[in-house]
Amino acid sequence: MRFTEAEIIQHLAEALKPGSLPGSPYTAQWSQDPPQSAAVLIPLLCAEGGWELLFIRRTLHPKDRHGGQVAFPGGRCDPEDPDADKTALREAHEEVGLNPEDVRILGRLRDMLTITNYRVTPVVGAIPWPYDLRPQPIEVSRIFTIPLEWLADPAHRQIQRHRLQQRGKPFPVIHFQPYDGEILWGASARMTMLLLEALGLSRPQDRYQ
């Protein structure tokens, strides 16, 4: 897992070329309403000689459908945001205190539709480490990292089929095994798989089988 930043940039650019499987099992017809635009930052950091991904656990909140879940820093695009990069950097600063100037944007992954009808743009950025992160307690209850090598091991994940009441057809949902007491699954797990695919550490079919 000893990619250079230049190699990661090249891999991400190649992954955006036409021909790969879509990032989401849902189609644009999943909802009758147009999807809302959102972006997340996928923070890559180098710790003890290997790349790791930084995650947050969202604070439990009765109005947050994703409360208590593992996620990447991110949120809805504001009208004043010029692009997805700015949205991801703004949200990361608000949620974990990451200074936008300290993030080196390496590229993007494919936009992904979520079951909650968001079109999310995953923005990949390298951050210095160690770093004095400050979680915003209203939104973030914990910040932690998972090694890329652990995430790339197929033994650490499985596909489960979920069925919604309003939809008869079950759809595949990725569940990783617990790591440091945290469980990565759903949309954030799928984004993680997209990154692994871009780096040649997984196959696109692994998101569906």
C-alpha atoms as a PDB file:
ATOM      1  CA  MET A   1       0.000   0.000   0.000  1.00  0.00           C
ATOM      2  CA  ARG A   2       2.951   2.318  -0.532  1.00  0.00           C
ATOM      3  CA  PHE A   3       1.450   4.475  -3.264  1.00  0.00           C
ATOM      4  CA  THR A   4       2.932   7.888  -3.867  1.00  0.00           C
ATOM      5  CA  GLU A   5       0.559  10.835  -4.097  1.00  0.00           C
ATOM      6  CA  ALA A   6       1.400  11.124  -7.789  1.00  0.00           C
ATOM      7  CA  GLU A   7       0.403   7.483  -8.314  1.00  0.00           C
ATOM      8  CA  ILE A   8      -2.873   8.006  -6.462  1.00  0.00           C
ATOM      9  CA  ILE A   9      -3.652  11.050  -8.621  1.00  0.00           C
ATOM     10  CA  GLN A  10      -3.033   9.001 -11.761  1.00  0.00           C
ATOM     11  CA  HIS A  11      -5.172   6.085 -10.541  1.00  0.00           C
ATOM     12  CA  LEU A  12      -8.065   8.389  -9.660  1.00  0.00           C
ATOM     13  CA  ALA A  13      -7.946  10.060 -13.073  1.00  0.00           C
ATOM     14  CA  GLU A  14      -8.000   6.664 -14.810  1.00  0.00           C
ATOM     15  CA  ALA A  15     -10.954   5.496 -12.707  1.00  0.00           C
ATOM     16  CA  LEU A  16     -13.124   8.382 -13.942  1.00  0.00           C
ATOM     17  CA  LYS A  17     -12.863   7.265 -17.565  1.00  0.00           C
ATOM     18  CA  PRO A  18     -16.023   5.689 -19.060  1.00  0.00           C
ATOM     19  CA  GLY A  19     -16.510   1.946 -18.825  1.00  0.00           C
ATOM     20  CA  SER A  20     -16.574   1.019 -15.132  1.00  0.00           C
ATOM     21  CA  LEU A  21     -19.635  -0.097 -13.192  1.00  0.00           C
ATOM     22  CA  PRO A  22     -21.706   2.706 -11.621  1.00  0.00           C
ATOM     23  CA  GLY A  23     -20.900   3.702  -8.077  1.00  0.00           C
ATOM     24  CA  SER A  24     -24.382   2.974  -6.727  1.00  0.00           C
ATOM     25  CA  PRO A  25     -26.869   0.089  -7.030  1.00  0.00           C
ATOM     26  CA  TYR A  26     -29.675   2.650  -7.331  1.00  0.00           C
ATOM     27  CA  THR A  27     -30.720   4.360 -10.553  1.00  0.00           C
ATOM     28  CA  ALA A  28     -31.886   7.903 -11.182  1.00  0.00           C
ATOM     29  CA  GLN A  29     -35.457   6.534 -11.151  1.00  0.00           C
ATOM     30  CA  TRP A  30     -35.103   5.363  -7.512  1.00  0.00           C
ATOM     31  CA  SER A  31     -36.900   8.541  -6.398  1.00  0.00           C
ATOM     32  CA  GLN A  32     -39.432  10.701  -8.218  1.00  0.00           C
ATOM     33  CA  ASP A  33     -37.648  13.807  -6.938  1.00  0.00           C
ATOM     34  CA  PRO A  34     -34.345  15.073  -8.355  1.00  0.00           C
ATOM     35  CA  PRO A  35     -31.401  14.155  -6.097  1.00  0.00           C
ATOM     36  CA  GLN A  36     -29.824  16.785  -3.876  1.00  0.00           C
ATOM     37  CA  SER A  37     -26.151  17.537  -4.454  1.00  0.00           C
ATOM     38  CA  ALA A  38     -23.669  16.693  -1.707  1.00  0.00           C
ATOM     39  CA  ALA A  39     -19.957  16.019  -1.313  1.00  0.00           C
ATOM     40  CA  VAL A  40     -17.702  14.243   1.149  1.00  0.00           C
ATOM     41  CA  LEU A  41     -13.985  14.417   1.792  1.00  0.00           C
ATOM     42  CA  ILE A  42     -12.180  11.071   1.817  1.00  0.00           C
ATOM     43  CA  PRO A  43      -9.106  11.977   3.880  1.00  0.00           C
ATOM     44  CA  LEU A  44      -5.993   9.905   3.204  1.00  0.00           C
ATOM     45  CA  LEU A  45      -3.147  10.068   5.685  1.00  0.00           C
ATOM     46  CA  CYS A  46       0.178   8.284   5.990  1.00  0.00           C
ATOM     47  CA  ALA A  47       0.755   6.721   9.412  1.00  0.00           C
ATOM     48  CA  GLU A  48       3.583   4.348  10.291  1.00  0.00           C
ATOM     49  CA  GLY A  49       4.553   3.975   6.661  1.00  0.00           C
ATOM     50  CA  GLY A  50       1.116   3.076   5.287  1.00  0.00           C
ATOM     51  CA  TRP A  51      -1.948   4.883   4.027  1.00  0.00           C
ATOM     52  CA  GLU A  52      -5.028   5.077   6.240  1.00  0.00           C
ATOM     53  CA  LEU A  53      -8.496   6.551   5.779  1.00  0.00           C
ATOM     54  CA  LEU A  54      -9.988   8.944   8.293  1.00  0.00           C
ATOM     55  CA  PHE A  55     -13.616   8.414   9.306  1.00  0.00           C
ATOM     56  CA  ILE A  56     -16.074  10.003  11.684  1.00  0.00           C
ATOM     57  CA  ARG A  57     -18.903   8.534  13.712  1.00  0.00           C
ATOM     58  CA  ARG A  58     -21.914  10.796  13.497  1.00  0.00           C
ATOM     59  CA  THR A  59     -23.538  11.946  16.731  1.00  0.00           C
ATOM     60  CA  LEU A  60     -26.872  10.345  17.537  1.00  0.00           C
ATOM     61  CA  HIS A  61     -29.619  12.823  16.810  1.00  0.00           C
ATOM     62  CA  PRO A  62     -33.363  12.174  16.390  1.00  0.00           C
ATOM     63  CA  LYS A  63     -33.533  14.299  13.223  1.00  0.00           C
ATOM     64  CA  ASP A  64     -30.464  12.725  11.598  1.00  0.00           C
ATOM     65  CA  ARG A  65     -31.255   9.544   9.649  1.00  0.00           C
ATOM     66  CA  HIS A  66     -27.538   8.739   9.663  1.00  0.00           C
ATOM     67  CA  GLY A  67     -26.936   9.457  13.358  1.00  0.00           C
ATOM     68  CA  GLY A  68     -24.507   7.037  14.994  1.00  0.00           C
ATOM     69  CA  GLN A  69     -23.188   5.792  11.660  1.00  0.00           C
ATOM     70  CA  VAL A  70     -19.608   5.743  10.399  1.00  0.00           C
ATOM     71  CA  ALA A  71     -19.088   8.258   7.612  1.00  0.00           C
ATOM     72  CA  PHE A  72     -16.699  10.608   5.886  1.00  0.00           C
ATOM     73  CA  PRO A  73     -16.837  14.350   6.669  1.00  0.00           C
ATOM     74  CA  GLY A  74     -19.300  15.947   4.286  1.00  0.00           C
ATOM     75  CA  GLY A  75     -22.764  17.280   3.614  1.00  0.00           C
ATOM     76  CA  ARG A  76     -25.065  19.108   1.247  1.00  0.00           C
ATOM     77  CA  CYS A  77     -23.723  21.577  -1.288  1.00  0.00           C
ATOM     78  CA  ASP A  78     -24.528  25.196  -0.442  1.00  0.00           C
ATOM     79  CA  PRO A  79     -25.483  27.615  -3.243  1.00  0.00           C
ATOM     80  CA  GLU A  80     -22.317  29.632  -2.576  1.00  0.00           C
ATOM     81  CA  ASP A  81     -20.053  26.585  -3.001  1.00  0.00           C
ATOM     82  CA  PRO A  82     -18.409  26.870  -6.438  1.00  0.00           C
ATOM     83  CA  ASP A  83     -17.799  23.121  -6.728  1.00  0.00           C
ATOM     84  CA  ALA A  84     -17.796  19.790  -4.868  1.00  0.00           C
ATOM     85  CA  ASP A  85     -14.206  20.293  -3.687  1.00  0.00           C
ATOM     86  CA  LYS A  86     -15.204  23.438  -1.803  1.00  0.00           C
ATOM     87  CA  THR A  87     -18.224  21.694  -0.277  1.00  0.00           C
ATOM     88  CA  ALA A  88     -16.111  18.791   0.956  1.00  0.00           C
ATOM     89  CA  LEU A  89     -13.428  21.089   2.384  1.00  0.00           C
ATOM     90  CA  ARG A  90     -15.972  23.369   4.049  1.00  0.00           C
ATOM     91  CA  GLU A  91     -17.797  20.469   5.671  1.00  0.00           C
ATOM     92  CA  ALA A  92     -14.540  18.858   6.849  1.00  0.00           C
ATOM     93  CA  HIS A  93     -13.512  22.143   8.456  1.00  0.00           C
ATOM     94  CA  GLU A  94     -16.884  22.512  10.174  1.00  0.00           C
ATOM     95  CA  GLU A  95     -17.085  18.903  11.381  1.00  0.00           C
ATOM     96  CA  VAL A  96     -13.513  18.019  12.374  1.00  0.00           C
ATOM     97  CA  GLY A  97     -11.543  21.288  12.301  1.00  0.00           C
ATOM     98  CA  LEU A  98      -9.497  20.387   9.230  1.00  0.00           C
ATOM     99  CA  ASN A  99      -8.028  23.531   7.664  1.00  0.00           C
ATOM    100  CA  PRO A 100      -8.787  23.525   3.901  1.00  0.00           C
ATOM    101  CA  GLU A 101      -5.290  24.834   3.210  1.00  0.00           C
ATOM    102  CA  ASP A 102      -3.836  21.688   4.777  1.00  0.00           C
ATOM    103  CA  VAL A 103      -5.639  19.367   2.349  1.00  0.00           C
ATOM    104  CA  ARG A 104      -4.001  18.360  -0.937  1.00  0.00           C
ATOM    105  CA  ILE A 105      -6.809  17.401  -3.320  1.00  0.00           C
ATOM    106  CA  LEU A 106      -5.780  14.275  -5.244  1.00  0.00           C
ATOM    107  CA  GLY A 107      -8.918  13.738  -7.312  1.00  0.00           C
ATOM    108  CA  ARG A 108     -12.483  12.525  -7.206  1.00  0.00           C
ATOM    109  CA  LEU A 109     -14.403   9.285  -7.402  1.00  0.00           C
ATOM    110  CA  ARG A 110     -17.576   8.702  -9.390  1.00  0.00           C
ATOM    111  CA  ASP A 111     -20.695  10.466  -8.164  1.00  0.00           C
ATOM    112  CA  MET A 112     -22.879   8.118  -6.175  1.00  0.00           C
ATOM    113  CA  LEU A 113     -26.630   8.131  -5.600  1.00  0.00           C
ATOM    114  CA  THR A 114     -27.660   7.283  -2.054  1.00  0.00           C
ATOM    115  CA  ILE A 115     -30.825   5.666  -0.813  1.00  0.00           C
ATOM    116  CA  THR A 116     -31.761   9.013   0.765  1.00  0.00           C
ATOM    117  CA  ASN A 117     -31.707  10.594  -2.725  1.00  0.00           C
ATOM    118  CA  TYR A 118     -28.415  12.489  -2.594  1.00  0.00           C
ATOM    119  CA  ARG A 119     -25.959  12.611  -5.468  1.00  0.00           C
ATOM    120  CA  VAL A 120     -22.676  12.558  -3.567  1.00  0.00           C
ATOM    121  CA  THR A 121     -19.315  13.510  -5.030  1.00  0.00           C
ATOM    122  CA  PRO A 122     -16.450  11.826  -3.119  1.00  0.00           C
ATOM    123  CA  VAL A 123     -13.383  14.091  -3.064  1.00  0.00           C
ATOM    124  CA  VAL A 124     -10.096  12.405  -2.185  1.00  0.00           C
ATOM    125  CA  GLY A 125      -7.531  14.486  -0.316  1.00  0.00           C
ATOM    126  CA  ALA A 126      -4.242  13.850   1.476  1.00  0.00           C
ATOM    127  CA  ILE A 127      -3.842  15.404   4.921  1.00  0.00           C
ATOM    128  CA  PRO A 128      -0.784  15.801   7.168  1.00  0.00           C
ATOM    129  CA  TRP A 129      -0.473  13.457  10.124  1.00  0.00           C
ATOM    130  CA  PRO A 130      -0.531  13.701  13.077  1.00  0.00           C
ATOM    131  CA  TYR A 131      -3.052  16.538  13.060  1.00  0.00           C
ATOM    132  CA  ASP A 132      -4.918  18.402  15.800  1.00  0.00           C
ATOM    133  CA  LEU A 133      -8.484  17.535  14.809  1.00  0.00           C
ATOM    134  CA  ARG A 134     -11.423  18.969  16.760  1.00  0.00           C
ATOM    135  CA  PRO A 135     -14.753  17.165  16.345  1.00  0.00           C
ATOM    136  CA  GLN A 136     -17.865  19.339  16.285  1.00  0.00           C
ATOM    137  CA  PRO A 137     -19.825  17.575  19.064  1.00  0.00           C
ATOM    138  CA  ILE A 138     -23.275  18.317  17.656  1.00  0.00           C
ATOM    139  CA  GLU A 139     -22.388  16.383  14.481  1.00  0.00           C
ATOM    140  CA  VAL A 140     -19.376  14.192  15.288  1.00  0.00           C
ATOM    141  CA  SER A 141     -18.937  11.890  18.281  1.00  0.00           C
ATOM    142  CA  ARG A 142     -15.634  10.301  17.258  1.00  0.00           C
ATOM    143  CA  ILE A 143     -12.778  10.555  14.736  1.00  0.00           C
ATOM    144  CA  PHE A 144     -10.725   7.460  13.893  1.00  0.00           C
ATOM    145  CA  THR A 145      -8.684   5.863  11.115  1.00  0.00           C
ATOM    146  CA  ILE A 146      -8.610   2.470   9.374  1.00  0.00           C
ATOM    147  CA  PRO A 147      -5.553   1.222   7.436  1.00  0.00           C
ATOM    148  CA  LEU A 148      -6.059   0.922   3.690  1.00  0.00           C
ATOM    149  CA  GLU A 149      -4.436  -2.518   3.801  1.00  0.00           C
ATOM    150  CA  TRP A 150      -7.063  -3.773   6.270  1.00  0.00           C
ATOM    151  CA  LEU A 151      -9.895  -2.370   4.155  1.00  0.00           C
ATOM    152  CA  ALA A 152      -8.521  -4.062   1.026  1.00  0.00           C
ATOM    153  CA  ASP A 153      -8.661  -7.537   2.581  1.00  0.00           C
ATOM    154  CA  PRO A 154     -11.796  -9.318   1.232  1.00  0.00           C
ATOM    155  CA  ALA A 155     -12.012 -11.327   4.470  1.00  0.00           C
ATOM    156  CA  HIS A 156     -12.969  -8.116   6.278  1.00  0.00           C
ATOM    157  CA  ARG A 157     -16.206  -7.445   4.375  1.00  0.00           C
ATOM    158  CA  GLN A 158     -19.345  -9.086   3.070  1.00  0.00           C
ATOM    159  CA  ILE A 159     -22.381  -8.251   0.956  1.00  0.00           C
ATOM    160  CA  GLN A 160     -25.813  -8.329   2.577  1.00  0.00           C
ATOM    161  CA  ARG A 161     -29.086  -7.897   0.706  1.00  0.00           C
ATOM    162  CA  HIS A 162     -31.479  -5.312   2.120  1.00  0.00           C
ATOM    163  CA  ARG A 163     -35.106  -4.835   1.146  1.00  0.00           C
ATOM    164  CA  LEU A 164     -37.090  -1.633   1.601  1.00  0.00           C
ATOM    165  CA  GLN A 165     -40.800  -1.814   2.304  1.00  0.00           C
ATOM    166  CA  GLN A 166     -41.640   0.434  -0.619  1.00  0.00           C
ATOM    167  CA  ARG A 167     -39.374  -1.497  -3.006  1.00  0.00           C
ATOM    168  CA  GLY A 168     -39.738  -5.189  -3.681  1.00  0.00           C
ATOM    169  CA  LYS A 169     -36.274  -5.832  -5.115  1.00  0.00           C
ATOM    170  CA  PRO A 170     -33.472  -6.313  -2.556  1.00  0.00           C
ATOM    171  CA  PHE A 171     -30.237  -4.425  -3.139  1.00  0.00           C
ATOM    172  CA  PRO A 172     -26.641  -5.151  -2.119  1.00  0.00           C
ATOM    173  CA  VAL A 173     -25.184  -3.387   0.921  1.00  0.00           C
ATOM    174  CA  ILE A 174     -21.503  -3.651   1.880  1.00  0.00           C
ATOM    175  CA  HIS A 175     -20.719  -4.378   5.542  1.00  0.00           C
ATOM    176  CA  PHE A 176     -17.147  -4.359   6.827  1.00  0.00           C
ATOM    177  CA  GLN A 177     -16.164  -6.322   9.900  1.00  0.00           C
ATOM    178  CA  PRO A 178     -15.812  -4.250  13.108  1.00  0.00           C
ATOM    179  CA  TYR A 179     -12.558  -2.313  13.404  1.00  0.00           C
ATOM    180  CA  ASP A 180     -11.656  -0.637  16.686  1.00  0.00           C
ATOM    181  CA  GLY A 181     -15.277  -1.035  17.742  1.00  0.00           C
ATOM    182  CA  GLU A 182     -16.650   0.698  14.612  1.00  0.00           C
ATOM    183  CA  ILE A 183     -18.635  -0.797  11.720  1.00  0.00           C
ATOM    184  CA  LEU A 184     -18.290   0.685   8.240  1.00  0.00           C
ATOM    185  CA  TRP A 185     -21.252  -0.080   5.991  1.00  0.00           C
ATOM    186  CA  GLY A 186     -23.668   1.395   3.471  1.00  0.00           C
ATOM    187  CA  ALA A 187     -22.829   4.437   1.370  1.00  0.00           C
ATOM    188  CA  SER A 188     -19.506   5.155   3.096  1.00  0.00           C
ATOM    189  CA  ALA A 189     -18.450   1.524   2.624  1.00  0.00           C
ATOM    190  CA  ARG A 190     -19.343   1.778  -1.073  1.00  0.00           C
ATOM    191  CA  MET A 191     -17.251   4.938  -1.436  1.00  0.00           C
ATOM    192  CA  THR A 192     -14.392   3.109   0.256  1.00  0.00           C
ATOM    193  CA  MET A 193     -14.768   0.300  -2.276  1.00  0.00           C
ATOM    194  CA  LEU A 194     -14.690   2.820  -5.133  1.00  0.00           C
ATOM    195  CA  LEU A 195     -11.364   4.087  -3.816  1.00  0.00           C
ATOM    196  CA  LEU A 196      -9.993   0.551  -3.486  1.00  0.00           C
ATOM    197  CA  GLU A 197     -11.059  -0.160  -7.067  1.00  0.00           C
ATOM    198  CA  ALA A 198      -9.419   3.014  -8.347  1.00  0.00           C
ATOM    199  CA  LEU A 199      -6.167   1.939  -6.687  1.00  0.00           C
ATOM    200  CA  GLY A 200      -6.403  -1.576  -8.121  1.00  0.00           C
ATOM    201  CA  LEU A 201      -7.007  -3.168  -4.709  1.00  0.00           C
ATOM    202  CA  SER A 202     -10.504  -4.508  -5.454  1.00  0.00           C
ATOM    203  CA  ARG A 203     -12.753  -5.406  -8.399  1.00  0.00           C
ATOM    204  CA  PRO A 204     -15.915  -3.477  -9.297  1.00  0.00           C
ATOM    205  CA  GLN A 205     -17.891  -6.727  -9.090  1.00  0.00           C
ATOM    206  CA  ASP A 206     -17.015  -6.980  -5.383  1.00  0.00           C
ATOM    207  CA  ARG A 207     -19.564  -4.244  -4.670  1.00  0.00           C
ATOM    208  CA  TYR A 208     -22.394  -6.388  -6.003  1.00  0.00           C
ATOM    209  CA  GLN A 209     -21.520  -9.997  -5.194  1.00  0.00           C
END
